[in-house]
Amino acid sequence: MFLWSALAHLIALTSPGPDTAIVLRQVSLYGRREGYKAATGIGIGIYIHCLLAVNGISLIIVSDNFYKFLITLIGGLYILYLGISMITSDLKTLPSIKGSSNSNANSFINGLVTNIFNVKAFLFFISLFTILIDGISDFYFYVYPIYFAITSCLWFMLLSFIVTVSKNKNFNIYSNKYVSFLMSFILCFIAIFILVRSFYEYF
């Protein structure tokens, strides 16, 4: 059963969503290294989701419509803020060396917060551990969350590498203003979609 769950997790990772968008945002603005930091934040966020799911806390939270709405609202507004800040940022002031670090990038925090307030991640790991819970011994209570966290982190690190590997600036997402604007609009679109759906489901 774990193999099927691991496969479902890998498929979910490759599907576009807030986590993918935030990694690409950080990479397009600040370079590959910041993408790695965002990936690490996402990995920690997923580890927290797994611990909450294992202990049944996530199930309690999402079973209450108000808590679910509140989490979705905070997550949607935060993603919208990131998208708007990306549109208004001056690309000329950003570091020009690929892979350079920027102390104001906050990539780890952005990755962590985006993932923590991603209700889809809440629901996914609740579903996953509902299936796995009967077969999880004391040892695997610790191993499974670590596995899902590391796998997620490595995937988004790989994504950061892939989109910056080209030496041609036209193909390299980093320092490409058109890609930056595109990613900002995608972030805003995702945020608006999350907010509209959360209001629709709650009210």
C-alpha atoms as a PDB file:
ATOM      1  CA  MET A   1       0.000   0.000   0.000  1.00  0.00           C
ATOM      2  CA  PHE A   2       2.915   2.324   0.704  1.00  0.00           C
ATOM      3  CA  LEU A   3       4.187   1.962  -2.885  1.00  0.00           C
ATOM      4  CA  TRP A   4       0.828   3.089  -4.280  1.00  0.00           C
ATOM      5  CA  SER A   5       0.754   5.985  -1.849  1.00  0.00           C
ATOM      6  CA  ALA A   6       4.294   6.978  -2.815  1.00  0.00           C
ATOM      7  CA  LEU A   7       3.322   6.858  -6.502  1.00  0.00           C
ATOM      8  CA  ALA A   8       0.254   9.035  -5.846  1.00  0.00           C
ATOM      9  CA  HIS A   9       2.489  11.495  -4.002  1.00  0.00           C
ATOM     10  CA  LEU A  10       4.949  11.712  -6.910  1.00  0.00           C
ATOM     11  CA  ILE A  11       2.119  12.317  -9.374  1.00  0.00           C
ATOM     12  CA  ALA A  12       0.685  15.027  -7.115  1.00  0.00           C
ATOM     13  CA  LEU A  13       4.098  16.706  -6.929  1.00  0.00           C
ATOM     14  CA  THR A  14       4.368  17.034 -10.704  1.00  0.00           C
ATOM     15  CA  SER A  15       0.942  18.644 -11.062  1.00  0.00           C
ATOM     16  CA  PRO A  16       0.949  22.472 -11.167  1.00  0.00           C
ATOM     17  CA  GLY A  17      -0.101  24.234  -8.001  1.00  0.00           C
ATOM     18  CA  PRO A  18       0.897  26.874  -5.437  1.00  0.00           C
ATOM     19  CA  ASP A  19       4.112  25.048  -4.466  1.00  0.00           C
ATOM     20  CA  THR A  20       5.310  24.842  -8.057  1.00  0.00           C
ATOM     21  CA  ALA A  21       4.386  28.460  -8.675  1.00  0.00           C
ATOM     22  CA  ILE A  22       6.232  29.742  -5.591  1.00  0.00           C
ATOM     23  CA  VAL A  23       9.396  27.833  -6.492  1.00  0.00           C
ATOM     24  CA  LEU A  24       9.345  29.226 -10.023  1.00  0.00           C
ATOM     25  CA  ARG A  25       8.667  32.692  -8.628  1.00  0.00           C
ATOM     26  CA  GLN A  26      11.716  32.594  -6.384  1.00  0.00           C
ATOM     27  CA  VAL A  27      13.897  31.130  -9.131  1.00  0.00           C
ATOM     28  CA  SER A  28      12.789  33.697 -11.713  1.00  0.00           C
ATOM     29  CA  LEU A  29      13.405  36.589  -9.328  1.00  0.00           C
ATOM     30  CA  TYR A  30      16.473  35.510  -7.385  1.00  0.00           C
ATOM     31  CA  GLY A  31      18.068  32.479  -9.004  1.00  0.00           C
ATOM     32  CA  ARG A  32      18.560  28.763  -8.489  1.00  0.00           C
ATOM     33  CA  ARG A  33      19.818  28.909  -4.907  1.00  0.00           C
ATOM     34  CA  GLU A  34      16.654  30.643  -3.754  1.00  0.00           C
ATOM     35  CA  GLY A  35      14.649  27.952  -5.516  1.00  0.00           C
ATOM     36  CA  TYR A  36      16.504  25.397  -3.409  1.00  0.00           C
ATOM     37  CA  LYS A  37      15.619  27.338  -0.264  1.00  0.00           C
ATOM     38  CA  ALA A  38      11.947  27.498  -1.253  1.00  0.00           C
ATOM     39  CA  ALA A  39      12.042  23.749  -1.937  1.00  0.00           C
ATOM     40  CA  THR A  40      13.425  23.170   1.557  1.00  0.00           C
ATOM     41  CA  GLY A  41      10.617  25.264   3.049  1.00  0.00           C
ATOM     42  CA  ILE A  42       8.051  23.221   1.114  1.00  0.00           C
ATOM     43  CA  GLY A  43       9.667  19.998   2.345  1.00  0.00           C
ATOM     44  CA  ILE A  44       9.408  21.159   5.968  1.00  0.00           C
ATOM     45  CA  GLY A  45       5.792  22.174   5.352  1.00  0.00           C
ATOM     46  CA  ILE A  46       4.962  18.731   3.989  1.00  0.00           C
ATOM     47  CA  TYR A  47       6.658  17.118   6.988  1.00  0.00           C
ATOM     48  CA  ILE A  48       4.378  19.166   9.255  1.00  0.00           C
ATOM     49  CA  HIS A  49       1.331  18.138   7.193  1.00  0.00           C
ATOM     50  CA  CYS A  50       2.321  14.496   7.578  1.00  0.00           C
ATOM     51  CA  LEU A  51       2.748  14.782  11.349  1.00  0.00           C
ATOM     52  CA  LEU A  52      -0.627  16.495  11.650  1.00  0.00           C
ATOM     53  CA  ALA A  53      -2.262  13.819   9.496  1.00  0.00           C
ATOM     54  CA  VAL A  54      -0.667  10.980  11.464  1.00  0.00           C
ATOM     55  CA  ASN A  55      -1.914  12.447  14.727  1.00  0.00           C
ATOM     56  CA  GLY A  56      -5.386  13.192  13.356  1.00  0.00           C
ATOM     57  CA  ILE A  57      -5.110  16.945  13.920  1.00  0.00           C
ATOM     58  CA  SER A  58      -5.562  17.808  10.235  1.00  0.00           C
ATOM     59  CA  LEU A  59      -8.783  15.801  10.142  1.00  0.00           C
ATOM     60  CA  ILE A  60     -10.165  17.802  13.086  1.00  0.00           C
ATOM     61  CA  ILE A  61      -9.210  21.109  11.412  1.00  0.00           C
ATOM     62  CA  VAL A  62     -10.677  20.411   7.974  1.00  0.00           C
ATOM     63  CA  SER A  63     -13.848  18.909   9.439  1.00  0.00           C
ATOM     64  CA  ASP A  64     -14.737  22.375  10.725  1.00  0.00           C
ATOM     65  CA  ASN A  65     -15.901  24.586   7.851  1.00  0.00           C
ATOM     66  CA  PHE A  66     -14.781  27.809   9.529  1.00  0.00           C
ATOM     67  CA  TYR A  67     -11.233  26.568  10.184  1.00  0.00           C
ATOM     68  CA  LYS A  68     -10.988  25.263   6.644  1.00  0.00           C
ATOM     69  CA  PHE A  69     -12.239  28.594   5.280  1.00  0.00           C
ATOM     70  CA  LEU A  70      -9.822  30.545   7.488  1.00  0.00           C
ATOM     71  CA  ILE A  71      -6.799  28.509   6.397  1.00  0.00           C
ATOM     72  CA  THR A  72      -7.786  28.778   2.735  1.00  0.00           C
ATOM     73  CA  LEU A  73      -8.356  32.531   3.092  1.00  0.00           C
ATOM     74  CA  ILE A  74      -4.938  33.121   4.673  1.00  0.00           C
ATOM     75  CA  GLY A  75      -3.195  30.950   2.078  1.00  0.00           C
ATOM     76  CA  GLY A  76      -4.982  32.592  -0.848  1.00  0.00           C
ATOM     77  CA  LEU A  77      -4.240  36.109   0.376  1.00  0.00           C
ATOM     78  CA  TYR A  78      -0.575  35.268   0.958  1.00  0.00           C
ATOM     79  CA  ILE A  79      -0.175  33.834  -2.550  1.00  0.00           C
ATOM     80  CA  LEU A  80      -1.959  36.886  -3.988  1.00  0.00           C
ATOM     81  CA  TYR A  81       0.462  39.129  -2.085  1.00  0.00           C
ATOM     82  CA  LEU A  82       3.428  37.240  -3.536  1.00  0.00           C
ATOM     83  CA  GLY A  83       2.027  37.512  -7.055  1.00  0.00           C
ATOM     84  CA  ILE A  84       1.385  41.251  -6.763  1.00  0.00           C
ATOM     85  CA  SER A  85       4.814  41.878  -5.222  1.00  0.00           C
ATOM     86  CA  MET A  86       6.362  39.996  -8.131  1.00  0.00           C
ATOM     87  CA  ILE A  87       4.555  42.221 -10.659  1.00  0.00           C
ATOM     88  CA  THR A  88       5.606  45.406  -8.894  1.00  0.00           C
ATOM     89  CA  SER A  89       9.226  44.349  -8.305  1.00  0.00           C
ATOM     90  CA  ASP A  90      11.912  46.083 -10.342  1.00  0.00           C
ATOM     91  CA  LEU A  91      13.850  43.348 -12.125  1.00  0.00           C
ATOM     92  CA  LYS A  92      16.751  45.727 -12.755  1.00  0.00           C
ATOM     93  CA  THR A  93      17.504  45.825  -9.026  1.00  0.00           C
ATOM     94  CA  LEU A  94      17.688  42.064  -8.698  1.00  0.00           C
ATOM     95  CA  PRO A  95      21.011  40.201  -8.537  1.00  0.00           C
ATOM     96  CA  SER A  96      22.353  39.468 -12.017  1.00  0.00           C
ATOM     97  CA  ILE A  97      24.471  36.399 -11.264  1.00  0.00           C
ATOM     98  CA  LYS A  98      22.704  33.070 -11.638  1.00  0.00           C
ATOM     99  CA  GLY A  99      22.352  31.275  -8.352  1.00  0.00           C
ATOM    100  CA  SER A 100      23.156  34.349  -6.263  1.00  0.00           C
ATOM    101  CA  SER A 101      21.448  34.767  -2.919  1.00  0.00           C
ATOM    102  CA  ASN A 102      19.381  37.709  -1.766  1.00  0.00           C
ATOM    103  CA  SER A 103      18.804  38.310   1.931  1.00  0.00           C
ATOM    104  CA  ASN A 104      15.404  39.865   1.154  1.00  0.00           C
ATOM    105  CA  ALA A 105      14.158  36.909  -0.903  1.00  0.00           C
ATOM    106  CA  ASN A 106      12.687  35.043   2.117  1.00  0.00           C
ATOM    107  CA  SER A 107      12.519  31.945  -0.072  1.00  0.00           C
ATOM    108  CA  PHE A 108      12.452  29.425   2.769  1.00  0.00           C
ATOM    109  CA  ILE A 109       9.637  31.276   4.560  1.00  0.00           C
ATOM    110  CA  ASN A 110       7.681  31.751   1.312  1.00  0.00           C
ATOM    111  CA  GLY A 111       7.919  28.053   0.514  1.00  0.00           C
ATOM    112  CA  LEU A 112       6.991  27.025   4.057  1.00  0.00           C
ATOM    113  CA  VAL A 113       4.021  29.394   4.455  1.00  0.00           C
ATOM    114  CA  THR A 114       2.654  28.646   0.972  1.00  0.00           C
ATOM    115  CA  ASN A 115       2.690  24.919   1.678  1.00  0.00           C
ATOM    116  CA  ILE A 116       1.383  25.132   5.252  1.00  0.00           C
ATOM    117  CA  PHE A 117      -1.707  27.077   4.135  1.00  0.00           C
ATOM    118  CA  ASN A 118      -2.340  24.882   1.112  1.00  0.00           C
ATOM    119  CA  VAL A 119      -5.625  23.125   1.917  1.00  0.00           C
ATOM    120  CA  LYS A 120      -5.080  20.692  -0.957  1.00  0.00           C
ATOM    121  CA  ALA A 121      -1.965  19.467   0.855  1.00  0.00           C
ATOM    122  CA  PHE A 122      -4.011  19.102   4.053  1.00  0.00           C
ATOM    123  CA  LEU A 123      -6.622  16.994   2.295  1.00  0.00           C
ATOM    124  CA  PHE A 124      -4.088  14.970   0.288  1.00  0.00           C
ATOM    125  CA  PHE A 125      -2.110  13.792   3.307  1.00  0.00           C
ATOM    126  CA  ILE A 126      -5.249  13.134   5.345  1.00  0.00           C
ATOM    127  CA  SER A 127      -6.410  10.840   2.536  1.00  0.00           C
ATOM    128  CA  LEU A 128      -2.969   9.274   2.249  1.00  0.00           C
ATOM    129  CA  PHE A 129      -2.524   8.490   5.920  1.00  0.00           C
ATOM    130  CA  THR A 130      -6.123   7.331   6.296  1.00  0.00           C
ATOM    131  CA  ILE A 131      -5.120   4.530   3.938  1.00  0.00           C
ATOM    132  CA  LEU A 132      -1.711   3.928   5.526  1.00  0.00           C
ATOM    133  CA  ILE A 133      -2.610   4.334   9.204  1.00  0.00           C
ATOM    134  CA  ASP A 134      -3.580   0.708   9.871  1.00  0.00           C
ATOM    135  CA  GLY A 135      -0.285  -0.577   8.542  1.00  0.00           C
ATOM    136  CA  ILE A 136       1.955   1.999  10.227  1.00  0.00           C
ATOM    137  CA  SER A 137       3.969   0.774  13.195  1.00  0.00           C
ATOM    138  CA  ASP A 138       5.706   3.030  15.709  1.00  0.00           C
ATOM    139  CA  PHE A 139       8.887   3.107  13.605  1.00  0.00           C
ATOM    140  CA  TYR A 140       7.117   4.086  10.379  1.00  0.00           C
ATOM    141  CA  PHE A 141       5.258   6.891  12.128  1.00  0.00           C
ATOM    142  CA  TYR A 142       8.578   8.729  11.860  1.00  0.00           C
ATOM    143  CA  VAL A 143       9.880   7.292   8.581  1.00  0.00           C
ATOM    144  CA  TYR A 144       6.914   8.028   6.305  1.00  0.00           C
ATOM    145  CA  PRO A 145       6.691  11.779   7.042  1.00  0.00           C
ATOM    146  CA  ILE A 146      10.459  12.089   6.510  1.00  0.00           C
ATOM    147  CA  TYR A 147      10.212  10.200   3.198  1.00  0.00           C
ATOM    148  CA  PHE A 148       7.409  12.412   1.837  1.00  0.00           C
ATOM    149  CA  ALA A 149       9.186  15.576   2.986  1.00  0.00           C
ATOM    150  CA  ILE A 150      12.548  14.639   1.439  1.00  0.00           C
ATOM    151  CA  THR A 151      10.967  13.440  -1.818  1.00  0.00           C
ATOM    152  CA  SER A 152       9.036  16.692  -2.169  1.00  0.00           C
ATOM    153  CA  CYS A 153      12.084  18.795  -1.390  1.00  0.00           C
ATOM    154  CA  LEU A 154      14.218  16.927  -3.946  1.00  0.00           C
ATOM    155  CA  TRP A 155      11.553  17.285  -6.651  1.00  0.00           C
ATOM    156  CA  PHE A 156      11.347  21.051  -6.285  1.00  0.00           C
ATOM    157  CA  MET A 157      15.143  21.303  -6.134  1.00  0.00           C
ATOM    158  CA  LEU A 158      15.266  19.366  -9.395  1.00  0.00           C
ATOM    159  CA  LEU A 159      12.675  21.741 -10.852  1.00  0.00           C
ATOM    160  CA  SER A 160      14.809  24.710  -9.783  1.00  0.00           C
ATOM    161  CA  PHE A 161      17.813  23.175 -11.508  1.00  0.00           C
ATOM    162  CA  ILE A 162      15.973  22.286 -14.720  1.00  0.00           C
ATOM    163  CA  VAL A 163      14.575  25.779 -15.275  1.00  0.00           C
ATOM    164  CA  THR A 164      17.975  27.412 -14.726  1.00  0.00           C
ATOM    165  CA  VAL A 165      20.317  24.942 -16.423  1.00  0.00           C
ATOM    166  CA  SER A 166      20.353  26.698 -19.794  1.00  0.00           C
ATOM    167  CA  LYS A 167      23.145  29.248 -20.330  1.00  0.00           C
ATOM    168  CA  ASN A 168      20.998  31.039 -22.893  1.00  0.00           C
ATOM    169  CA  LYS A 169      19.054  33.779 -21.086  1.00  0.00           C
ATOM    170  CA  ASN A 170      16.183  33.403 -23.551  1.00  0.00           C
ATOM    171  CA  PHE A 171      15.637  29.825 -22.341  1.00  0.00           C
ATOM    172  CA  ASN A 172      16.725  30.317 -18.761  1.00  0.00           C
ATOM    173  CA  ILE A 173      13.847  31.290 -16.494  1.00  0.00           C
ATOM    174  CA  TYR A 174      16.181  33.299 -14.318  1.00  0.00           C
ATOM    175  CA  SER A 175      16.478  36.981 -15.298  1.00  0.00           C
ATOM    176  CA  ASN A 176      13.787  36.588 -17.953  1.00  0.00           C
ATOM    177  CA  LYS A 177      11.311  39.405 -17.284  1.00  0.00           C
ATOM    178  CA  TYR A 178       8.626  37.863 -19.470  1.00  0.00           C
ATOM    179  CA  VAL A 179       8.709  34.631 -17.472  1.00  0.00           C
ATOM    180  CA  SER A 180       8.646  36.655 -14.250  1.00  0.00           C
ATOM    181  CA  PHE A 181       5.523  38.512 -15.368  1.00  0.00           C
ATOM    182  CA  LEU A 182       3.926  35.240 -16.480  1.00  0.00           C
ATOM    183  CA  MET A 183       4.649  33.607 -13.121  1.00  0.00           C
ATOM    184  CA  SER A 184       3.243  36.616 -11.276  1.00  0.00           C
ATOM    185  CA  PHE A 185      -0.026  36.377 -13.209  1.00  0.00           C
ATOM    186  CA  ILE A 186      -0.182  32.623 -12.592  1.00  0.00           C
ATOM    187  CA  LEU A 187       0.304  33.205  -8.865  1.00  0.00           C
ATOM    188  CA  CYS A 188      -2.443  35.831  -8.841  1.00  0.00           C
ATOM    189  CA  PHE A 189      -4.749  33.538 -10.821  1.00  0.00           C
ATOM    190  CA  ILE A 190      -4.164  30.651  -8.407  1.00  0.00           C
ATOM    191  CA  ALA A 191      -4.781  32.950  -5.440  1.00  0.00           C
ATOM    192  CA  ILE A 192      -8.017  34.360  -6.879  1.00  0.00           C
ATOM    193  CA  PHE A 193      -9.225  30.851  -7.748  1.00  0.00           C
ATOM    194  CA  ILE A 194      -8.521  29.685  -4.173  1.00  0.00           C
ATOM    195  CA  LEU A 195     -10.268  32.700  -2.659  1.00  0.00           C
ATOM    196  CA  VAL A 196     -13.348  32.506  -4.902  1.00  0.00           C
ATOM    197  CA  ARG A 197     -13.742  28.771  -4.281  1.00  0.00           C
ATOM    198  CA  SER A 198     -13.291  29.171  -0.522  1.00  0.00           C
ATOM    199  CA  PHE A 199     -15.992  31.889  -0.359  1.00  0.00           C
ATOM    200  CA  TYR A 200     -18.283  29.819  -2.578  1.00  0.00           C
ATOM    201  CA  GLU A 201     -17.882  26.680  -0.444  1.00  0.00           C
ATOM    202  CA  TYR A 202     -18.233  28.485   2.881  1.00  0.00           C
ATOM    203  CA  PHE A 203     -21.121  30.809   2.056  1.00  0.00           C
END
